[in-house]
Amino acid sequence: MLRRPRGSDAIAIRRVVAETDVLDLNSTYAYLLLATDFADTTVVAETDGRVTGVITGYVPPQRPDVLFVWQVAVAPAAQGRGIAGAMLDHLVRRVVGDRGGRPLTVEATVAPDNAPSRAFFASFARRHGVPISEQPHFTAAQLDPDLTHADEPLLRIGPIVTPTAI
């Protein structure tokens, strides 16, 4: 089942992100804010009463036509079932619906060497028949004082007018 998160999901969301062992882990408080104040732009996947996936996102205040996708996480035991794609499709359909059908562009930052995330967003763009473009955005110097983090260019997908159902 795909649904809006609730405050009671914050600890489970943090657990799923931690289990991926690849995403930056934020505080439970941050996930609580995402599950409450940003619930309209976040989605959780639930299997047998347990949170097994999450996409966190928000609408940037200066760009109301954008859904910025922050983290995409699926618990290792639930990977390989198409949950991430289903969550993003569901979330975009919901946000477009909440916007009265106005076009929406999906954005995310993804390091150049993160092939799985790049393939995920490229697949989403293909499914919806929209372009995907890339431009410089966050630099390694902004992300890590030791410069061990790669640059994170911005991927822009869309605009999406009518989300494709899967």
Protein backbone atom coordinates (compact mmCIF):
# COMPACT_ATOMS: atom_id res chain seq x y z
CA MET A 1 0.00 0.00 0.00
CA LEU A 2 1.22 3.49 -0.89
CA ARG A 3 0.13 6.39 1.31
CA ARG A 4 0.96 9.71 2.90
CA PRO A 5 3.21 9.32 5.92
CA ARG A 6 2.08 10.01 9.47
CA GLY A 7 4.12 11.28 12.39
CA SER A 8 4.11 7.78 13.82
CA ASP A 9 6.10 6.65 10.75
CA ALA A 10 9.21 8.77 11.45
CA ILE A 11 11.20 6.08 13.25
CA ALA A 12 10.31 3.48 10.61
CA ILE A 13 11.26 5.89 7.81
CA ARG A 14 14.64 6.50 9.45
CA ARG A 15 15.10 2.71 9.80
CA VAL A 16 14.42 2.14 6.09
CA VAL A 17 16.88 4.88 5.10
CA ALA A 18 19.50 3.41 7.46
CA GLU A 19 18.96 -0.10 6.06
CA THR A 20 19.84 1.06 2.53
CA ASP A 21 23.37 1.69 3.80
CA VAL A 22 23.93 4.20 0.97
CA LEU A 23 21.83 7.27 1.77
CA ASP A 24 22.78 10.06 4.14
CA LEU A 25 20.99 9.31 7.39
CA ASN A 26 19.15 12.25 8.93
CA SER A 27 17.80 12.63 12.44
CA THR A 28 14.49 11.12 13.47
CA TYR A 29 13.35 14.71 14.01
CA ALA A 30 14.01 15.52 10.32
CA TYR A 31 12.00 12.47 9.25
CA LEU A 32 9.24 13.50 11.67
CA LEU A 33 9.05 16.90 9.97
CA LEU A 34 8.94 15.23 6.55
CA ALA A 35 6.18 12.87 7.72
CA THR A 36 4.07 15.72 9.10
CA ASP A 37 4.85 19.13 7.57
CA PHE A 38 5.83 17.64 4.19
CA ALA A 39 3.39 14.70 4.12
CA ASP A 40 1.76 15.97 0.93
CA THR A 41 5.06 15.61 -0.95
CA THR A 42 6.27 12.42 0.72
CA VAL A 43 5.07 8.84 0.26
CA VAL A 44 5.60 5.60 2.14
CA ALA A 45 5.18 2.04 0.96
CA GLU A 46 3.74 -0.31 3.53
CA THR A 47 3.82 -4.10 3.39
CA ASP A 48 2.04 -6.17 6.03
CA GLY A 49 1.79 -3.14 8.31
CA ARG A 50 5.51 -2.31 8.03
CA VAL A 51 7.05 0.67 6.24
CA THR A 52 9.21 -0.80 3.47
CA GLY A 53 9.87 2.26 1.34
CA VAL A 54 9.83 6.03 1.37
CA ILE A 55 10.30 8.96 -0.96
CA THR A 56 10.82 12.28 0.75
CA GLY A 57 10.23 15.46 -1.17
CA TYR A 58 9.10 19.04 -1.02
CA VAL A 59 8.01 21.95 -3.20
CA PRO A 60 10.73 24.63 -3.18
CA PRO A 61 9.11 27.90 -1.99
CA GLN A 62 10.39 29.91 -4.96
CA ARG A 63 9.46 27.22 -7.53
CA PRO A 64 5.90 26.01 -6.89
CA ASP A 65 5.87 24.07 -10.17
CA VAL A 66 8.63 21.71 -8.92
CA LEU A 67 8.59 18.57 -6.79
CA PHE A 68 12.10 18.14 -5.42
CA VAL A 69 12.77 14.50 -4.57
CA TRP A 70 15.20 14.35 -1.66
CA GLN A 71 15.56 10.67 -0.75
CA VAL A 72 14.31 7.43 -2.30
CA ALA A 73 14.70 4.39 -0.05
CA VAL A 74 13.43 0.82 -0.18
CA ALA A 75 14.25 -1.69 2.55
CA PRO A 76 16.68 -4.33 1.24
CA ALA A 77 14.16 -7.15 1.81
CA ALA A 78 11.66 -5.33 -0.45
CA GLN A 79 14.01 -4.30 -3.27
CA GLY A 80 13.59 -5.59 -6.80
CA ARG A 81 9.78 -5.41 -6.73
CA GLY A 82 9.30 -2.04 -8.44
CA ILE A 83 8.36 -0.30 -5.20
CA ALA A 84 10.51 2.78 -5.82
CA GLY A 85 9.03 3.41 -9.27
CA ALA A 86 5.50 2.83 -8.00
CA MET A 87 6.10 5.28 -5.13
CA LEU A 88 7.38 8.02 -7.45
CA ASP A 89 4.52 7.52 -9.93
CA HIS A 90 2.02 7.60 -7.05
CA LEU A 91 3.57 10.71 -5.52
CA VAL A 92 3.66 12.62 -8.82
CA ARG A 93 0.03 11.68 -9.59
CA ARG A 94 -0.97 12.91 -6.13
CA VAL A 95 0.95 16.20 -6.38
CA VAL A 96 -0.33 16.92 -9.90
CA GLY A 97 -3.86 16.15 -8.69
CA ASP A 98 -3.45 18.41 -5.67
CA ARG A 99 -2.27 21.15 -8.05
CA GLY A 100 -5.42 20.88 -10.14
CA GLY A 101 -3.59 19.19 -13.00
CA ARG A 102 -1.07 21.98 -13.59
CA PRO A 103 2.25 20.77 -15.04
CA LEU A 104 4.93 19.62 -12.60
CA THR A 105 8.67 19.21 -13.01
CA VAL A 106 10.46 16.63 -10.87
CA GLU A 107 13.95 17.53 -9.69
CA ALA A 108 16.61 15.62 -7.81
CA THR A 109 20.34 15.92 -7.29
CA VAL A 110 22.33 12.80 -8.12
CA ALA A 111 26.09 12.28 -8.11
CA PRO A 112 27.55 11.34 -11.51
CA ASP A 113 28.72 7.94 -10.23
CA ASN A 114 25.33 6.98 -8.77
CA ALA A 115 24.27 4.77 -11.68
CA PRO A 116 21.26 3.18 -9.91
CA SER A 117 19.67 6.55 -9.07
CA ARG A 118 20.37 7.93 -12.52
CA ALA A 119 18.78 4.84 -14.10
CA PHE A 120 15.78 5.17 -11.75
CA PHE A 121 15.08 8.77 -12.78
CA ALA A 122 15.76 8.08 -16.47
CA SER A 123 13.27 5.20 -16.33
CA PHE A 124 10.70 7.49 -14.73
CA ALA A 125 11.20 10.07 -17.53
CA ARG A 126 10.78 7.35 -20.21
CA ARG A 127 7.63 5.98 -18.56
CA HIS A 128 6.08 9.42 -18.63
CA GLY A 129 7.42 10.38 -22.07
CA VAL A 130 9.11 13.55 -20.83
CA PRO A 131 12.65 14.89 -21.18
CA ILE A 132 15.32 14.67 -18.55
CA SER A 133 18.11 17.23 -18.40
CA GLU A 134 21.09 17.87 -16.17
CA GLN A 135 22.79 21.02 -14.95
CA PRO A 136 25.39 21.83 -12.29
CA HIS A 137 23.93 22.42 -8.84
CA PHE A 138 25.55 21.38 -5.55
CA THR A 139 29.34 21.15 -5.45
CA ALA A 140 31.53 18.86 -3.38
CA ALA A 141 32.73 21.94 -1.47
CA GLN A 142 29.15 22.71 -0.43
CA LEU A 143 28.44 19.13 0.62
CA ASP A 144 31.56 18.16 2.56
CA PRO A 145 34.44 20.20 3.99
CA ASP A 146 36.81 17.28 3.32
CA LEU A 147 35.69 17.14 -0.33
CA THR A 148 34.99 13.42 -0.10
CA HIS A 149 31.43 13.87 -1.39
CA ALA A 150 30.98 14.13 -5.14
CA ASP A 151 29.26 17.04 -6.85
CA GLU A 152 25.50 16.57 -7.16
CA PRO A 153 24.17 17.93 -10.45
CA LEU A 154 20.47 18.69 -10.73
CA LEU A 155 18.30 16.35 -12.80
CA ARG A 156 15.14 17.99 -14.17
CA ILE A 157 12.38 15.72 -15.43
CA GLY A 158 9.37 17.08 -17.24
CA PRO A 159 7.23 19.01 -17.22
CA ILE A 160 4.68 16.32 -16.53
CA VAL A 161 1.15 17.28 -17.51
CA THR A 162 -0.75 14.04 -17.09
CA PRO A 163 1.10 11.36 -15.15
CA THR A 164 1.05 7.96 -16.79
CA ALA A 165 -0.64 5.22 -14.78
CA ILE A 166 1.24 1.97 -14.35
